[in-house]
Amino acid sequence: MIQNFNQLIEAAKKIIGKKVVVVFPNNEETLSAVSQATDNKLADFILVGDLEIIASKYTGEIPANIKIVHEPNITDALQKSIELINSNVGDILLKGGVDTGTMMKTLLQEESGIRKGRLLSDVFIFEWKARPDNKLVMITDGGLTLAPDLKEKVELINNAVEVAHALGNTNPKVAVLSATEFVNPKLQSTVDADVLTKMNECGEIKGCIVYGPMALDNAISLEAANEKGIKSPVAGNAEILILPSIEAANIFAKGTTYLAGFRLAHVIVGGKIPILIPSRADKSDAKMLSIALGVMMSSLNKVAWNEHN
């Protein structure tokens, strides 16, 4: 099982032949991530954007495994990138200088061919070095699903579990978070968490252990969980955190980065290919780790996509 980001990189190196299509890479952080990923032999790249801008901002000589498709207009670059994915030239889609909202709006349209039937969701991973074993903790969904209902929360769990399985964690521990560990009919997130726990217990949600509702301290601190008498394998050991809203997930995920300084990676799953939408403020290390995560997901993703379709 992959338990930290260094292991993730080493595992991704063993997967040969993946191609990442980069949509309008007109900033140094994106091109630096591409350069790092190339140096680490993680993947080959197709850069779809303005040739002059790419050449001026890429540090050093552009290697042979990086191809450039000249599309100086952002809209045309996005459409060309989708064409490359749908023609099976590319395996992973990485956002460059294009706005996230514009890119996702285009990808979510039926005619894009990227989305067919499943919920797309963002799975954010941070590395928590204080943990003795699996240091990779997932947060979802801080990127796409605004206010997930019960059905959508089932899909959020399934998507995150798919990522965990791709990393070799065959039975991840899933905490459904709220403000309290008690079921309160006036707080829908606690009601949903209780239902999701029961669905897991009766086999409707598979491949993981689900427990909730849980407050954050009970999910990640065994001491806090013991103090409150919570008896579950998830208590204090959660590896996937299901947040009740996009606000909660987004704020929490950014807190791990900007307050705690943890390394990060994230990927959008549920579509035809892994989609990487790093923030423009993300450093090249985060983008490079996301590329490694995308490579891992790509191998599993094609099997899952073929089974679903």
Foldseek 3Di string as FASTA:
>chain_A
DDQFLVSLLVVLQVQPEAEEEEQAAQDLQQLVLVVVLVVSNNYAYEYEEAPVSSVVRRPDDDDPSYHYHYDHDRVVSLLVSLVCVVVVVHFEYEYHPDDPVVNVVVQPDVVSQWADDADKAKWKWWAQVVDPTRRIAIFDHQPPFFADDLVVLLRRVVFNLLLVVLSVNQAAEEEQEDQAQDQDPVGRSQVSLVVVQVCVVVPVRDRYHGHDDDHPCQQQQQVVVVVVPPDDPRGNPHRYYYYRGNVVRNVVSVCCCPVVNTAMEMWIDNTQAIYGYDDPPDGSSRVNSNSSSRSSSSVVSNVVVVVVD
